[in-house]
Amino acid sequence: MTDTDQSPEEAEPSKPRSRLLVTLPLVIFAALAAFFLWKLETGGDPSALPSVLLGKPAPDFALKPVPVPLADGTAMPGLAVADLKNPGPGRVTIVNFWASWCVECRTEHETLKRLKNDPRVRLVGVAYKDEPKNAARWLTDMGNPYVATGLDENGRVGIDWGVYGVPETYVVRPDGVISYKFIGPLSDGAIKAVLGPKIDEALAATGH
């Protein structure tokens, strides 16, 4: 009997196999999507390489400020490597690289505004490859979470820090040593599960 002469009963076993071939790629895709979403929520970009600066002093730099006032009306200070050390008892410095042209920076901005109220944190920013007027407009419109923000207009400081792409966030110990790098937009979940414990580790490592 030829293939064309098969009875419906004989052809029936191929139907489950066909359904499996259709649904299996969808199941695999859904599992991968869930994994990448979880990594972005709790640990940044899973495809990115770790920073070679971890455990080393922050690179030397000095940047002029974004031209925007602080909440109390005083001028925004610039940022230099010396500003990263000794942020106060029981505190670390969090350095957030951001840009007004960065879509994911908008995603994390409200989280940063909450993070600034963490008593363990002194939050500073670096406007990466941004124009002064655009960076100032961003902070005016979105709200300013930083106590100081430097303008890295040509991206030189970002290169020295090993920035792959904004947003990126670094934990700097009170002694000026970089202890952790978070790649991608921060979320409340990521702070609770990842960044918060890394802050505690940085403080414990320096006896604060």
Protein backbone atom coordinates (compact mmCIF):
# COMPACT_ATOMS: atom_id res chain seq x y z
CA MET A 1 0.00 0.00 0.00
CA THR A 2 1.44 3.41 -0.94
CA ASP A 3 1.66 6.48 1.31
CA THR A 4 -1.36 7.91 -0.44
CA ASP A 5 -3.34 4.78 0.40
CA GLN A 6 -2.84 5.14 4.20
CA SER A 7 -6.01 4.97 6.21
CA PRO A 8 -6.90 7.83 8.62
CA GLU A 9 -6.07 5.50 11.53
CA GLU A 10 -2.53 4.93 10.18
CA ALA A 11 -1.93 8.65 9.60
CA GLU A 12 -3.24 9.66 13.03
CA PRO A 13 0.06 9.09 15.00
CA SER A 14 1.78 11.87 13.04
CA LYS A 15 -0.58 14.53 14.42
CA PRO A 16 0.87 14.63 17.97
CA ARG A 17 4.35 14.75 16.47
CA SER A 18 3.33 17.70 14.28
CA ARG A 19 1.86 19.53 17.24
CA LEU A 20 5.07 18.95 19.19
CA LEU A 21 7.17 20.38 16.37
CA VAL A 22 5.01 23.50 16.35
CA THR A 23 4.82 24.06 20.11
CA LEU A 24 8.37 23.13 21.15
CA PRO A 25 10.04 26.24 19.63
CA LEU A 26 7.40 28.41 21.31
CA VAL A 27 8.07 26.80 24.69
CA ILE A 28 11.83 27.26 24.28
CA PHE A 29 11.40 30.90 23.24
CA ALA A 30 9.13 31.60 26.21
CA ALA A 31 11.62 30.03 28.60
CA LEU A 32 14.52 32.05 27.19
CA ALA A 33 12.49 35.26 27.27
CA ALA A 34 11.58 34.64 30.91
CA PHE A 35 15.25 34.01 31.77
CA PHE A 36 16.48 37.19 30.11
CA LEU A 37 13.70 39.21 31.75
CA TRP A 38 14.69 37.81 35.14
CA LYS A 39 18.37 38.63 34.52
CA LEU A 40 17.55 42.19 33.48
CA GLU A 41 15.38 42.58 36.58
CA THR A 42 17.91 41.28 39.07
CA GLY A 43 21.35 41.34 37.52
CA GLY A 44 21.67 43.60 34.50
CA ASP A 45 22.55 42.46 30.99
CA PRO A 46 23.35 38.72 30.97
CA SER A 47 25.45 39.05 27.81
CA ALA A 48 27.83 41.70 29.18
CA LEU A 49 31.35 41.11 30.44
CA PRO A 50 32.30 41.96 34.02
CA SER A 51 34.39 45.05 34.67
CA VAL A 52 38.16 44.62 34.89
CA LEU A 53 38.15 47.47 37.44
CA LEU A 54 36.43 45.50 40.18
CA GLY A 55 38.61 45.54 43.28
CA LYS A 56 40.69 48.44 41.93
CA PRO A 57 40.68 52.19 42.67
CA ALA A 58 38.35 54.27 40.52
CA PRO A 59 40.15 55.84 37.52
CA ASP A 60 41.26 59.44 37.85
CA PHE A 61 38.91 62.02 36.31
CA ALA A 62 37.52 65.52 36.78
CA LEU A 63 34.34 66.66 35.04
CA LYS A 64 32.51 69.96 34.91
CA PRO A 65 28.90 69.93 36.16
CA VAL A 66 25.64 69.67 34.31
CA PRO A 67 24.33 73.29 34.27
CA VAL A 68 21.27 72.76 36.46
CA PRO A 69 20.57 73.77 40.07
CA LEU A 70 20.08 71.36 42.95
CA ALA A 71 16.77 71.19 44.82
CA ASP A 72 17.93 73.85 47.28
CA GLY A 73 18.75 76.26 44.46
CA THR A 74 22.52 75.94 44.68
CA ALA A 75 24.52 75.07 41.58
CA MET A 76 25.08 71.45 40.69
CA PRO A 77 28.69 70.52 41.55
CA GLY A 78 30.92 68.74 39.06
CA LEU A 79 32.46 65.37 39.77
CA ALA A 80 36.02 64.17 40.30
CA VAL A 81 37.58 60.98 41.58
CA ALA A 82 38.27 62.56 44.97
CA ASP A 83 34.51 63.04 45.43
CA LEU A 84 33.98 59.28 45.47
CA LYS A 85 35.89 58.69 48.70
CA ASN A 86 34.64 59.05 52.27
CA PRO A 87 30.96 59.76 51.51
CA GLY A 88 30.14 59.64 55.23
CA PRO A 89 29.74 57.02 57.96
CA GLY A 90 27.90 53.90 56.81
CA ARG A 91 27.72 55.06 53.20
CA VAL A 92 29.08 54.13 49.78
CA THR A 93 29.14 56.20 46.60
CA ILE A 94 26.94 54.99 43.77
CA VAL A 95 28.10 56.23 40.35
CA ASN A 96 25.39 56.10 37.68
CA PHE A 97 26.35 56.60 34.03
CA TRP A 98 23.34 57.94 32.12
CA ALA A 99 22.38 60.07 29.09
CA SER A 100 19.39 62.11 27.98
CA TRP A 101 19.29 60.15 24.70
CA CYS A 102 19.16 56.80 26.53
CA VAL A 103 15.73 55.11 26.51
CA GLU A 104 16.61 52.65 29.30
CA CYS A 105 17.82 55.54 31.47
CA ARG A 106 14.24 56.82 31.45
CA THR A 107 13.11 53.36 32.59
CA GLU A 108 15.34 53.43 35.69
CA HIS A 109 14.99 57.10 36.60
CA GLU A 110 12.16 56.77 39.11
CA THR A 111 14.10 53.97 40.81
CA LEU A 112 17.11 56.27 41.13
CA LYS A 113 14.95 58.94 42.73
CA ARG A 114 14.01 56.40 45.40
CA LEU A 115 17.56 55.08 45.72
CA LYS A 116 18.88 58.53 46.62
CA ASN A 117 16.95 58.30 49.90
CA ASP A 118 18.79 55.14 50.98
CA PRO A 119 20.89 56.18 54.01
CA ARG A 120 23.70 53.88 52.81
CA VAL A 121 24.05 55.73 49.52
CA ARG A 122 25.58 58.91 48.12
CA LEU A 123 24.29 58.93 44.53
CA VAL A 124 26.28 60.76 41.83
CA GLY A 125 25.92 60.74 38.08
CA VAL A 126 27.96 60.98 34.90
CA ALA A 127 26.17 62.29 31.80
CA TYR A 128 27.78 60.08 29.15
CA LYS A 129 28.35 61.49 25.65
CA ASP A 130 25.71 64.12 26.28
CA GLU A 131 25.35 67.82 25.49
CA PRO A 132 25.11 70.19 28.46
CA LYS A 133 21.73 71.67 27.46
CA ASN A 134 20.19 68.26 26.82
CA ALA A 135 21.47 66.83 30.11
CA ALA A 136 20.22 69.89 31.99
CA ARG A 137 16.79 69.68 30.36
CA TRP A 138 16.57 65.98 31.26
CA LEU A 139 17.24 66.59 34.95
CA THR A 140 14.90 69.59 35.00
CA ASP A 141 12.05 67.66 33.40
CA MET A 142 12.60 64.26 35.02
CA GLY A 143 13.84 65.34 38.43
CA ASN A 144 17.38 65.25 39.76
CA PRO A 145 18.35 62.23 41.92
CA TYR A 146 22.06 63.13 42.09
CA VAL A 147 24.03 65.18 44.59
CA ALA A 148 26.64 65.80 41.86
CA THR A 149 26.73 65.11 38.13
CA GLY A 150 29.66 65.42 35.75
CA LEU A 151 29.53 65.95 31.98
CA ASP A 152 31.47 63.30 30.05
CA GLU A 153 30.83 64.92 26.67
CA ASN A 154 33.38 62.93 24.66
CA GLY A 155 32.94 59.66 26.56
CA ARG A 156 36.57 59.55 27.72
CA VAL A 157 35.71 58.89 31.35
CA GLY A 158 33.25 56.20 30.33
CA ILE A 159 36.01 54.45 28.37
CA ASP A 160 38.33 54.57 31.37
CA TRP A 161 35.60 53.04 33.53
CA GLY A 162 34.89 50.32 30.98
CA VAL A 163 31.37 51.47 30.18
CA TYR A 164 29.75 49.31 27.49
CA GLY A 165 26.61 51.41 27.19
CA VAL A 166 24.35 53.41 29.46
CA PRO A 167 22.85 52.96 31.91
CA GLU A 168 25.56 51.42 34.07
CA THR A 169 25.90 51.73 37.83
CA TYR A 170 28.96 51.25 40.04
CA VAL A 171 29.34 50.72 43.77
CA VAL A 172 32.43 52.54 45.06
CA ARG A 173 33.64 51.71 48.56
CA PRO A 174 34.50 54.51 51.02
CA ASP A 175 38.18 53.93 50.22
CA GLY A 176 37.58 54.71 46.53
CA VAL A 177 37.72 51.10 45.28
CA ILE A 178 35.12 49.90 42.77
CA SER A 179 33.42 46.84 44.25
CA TYR A 180 30.50 46.14 41.90
CA LYS A 181 29.14 47.00 38.46
CA PHE A 182 25.50 46.72 37.43
CA ILE A 183 24.80 46.79 33.70
CA GLY A 184 21.38 47.84 32.47
CA PRO A 185 18.47 49.76 33.99
CA LEU A 186 18.04 49.47 37.74
CA SER A 187 14.68 48.45 39.15
CA ASP A 188 13.36 48.21 42.68
CA GLY A 189 13.67 44.43 42.41
CA ALA A 190 17.28 44.64 41.28
CA ILE A 191 18.16 46.94 44.17
CA LYS A 192 16.55 44.62 46.68
CA ALA A 193 18.01 41.40 45.27
CA VAL A 194 21.39 42.54 43.95
CA LEU A 195 22.54 46.10 44.54
CA GLY A 196 21.48 46.32 48.17
CA PRO A 197 23.48 43.25 49.23
CA LYS A 198 26.48 44.53 47.22
CA ILE A 199 26.28 47.82 49.10
CA ASP A 200 26.34 45.93 52.40
CA GLU A 201 29.33 43.88 51.21
CA ALA A 202 31.21 47.06 50.26
CA LEU A 203 30.58 48.59 53.67
CA ALA A 204 31.61 45.40 55.49
CA ALA A 205 34.82 45.18 53.45
CA THR A 206 35.96 48.57 54.74
CA GLY A 207 34.65 48.21 58.28
CA HIS A 208 31.87 50.78 57.92
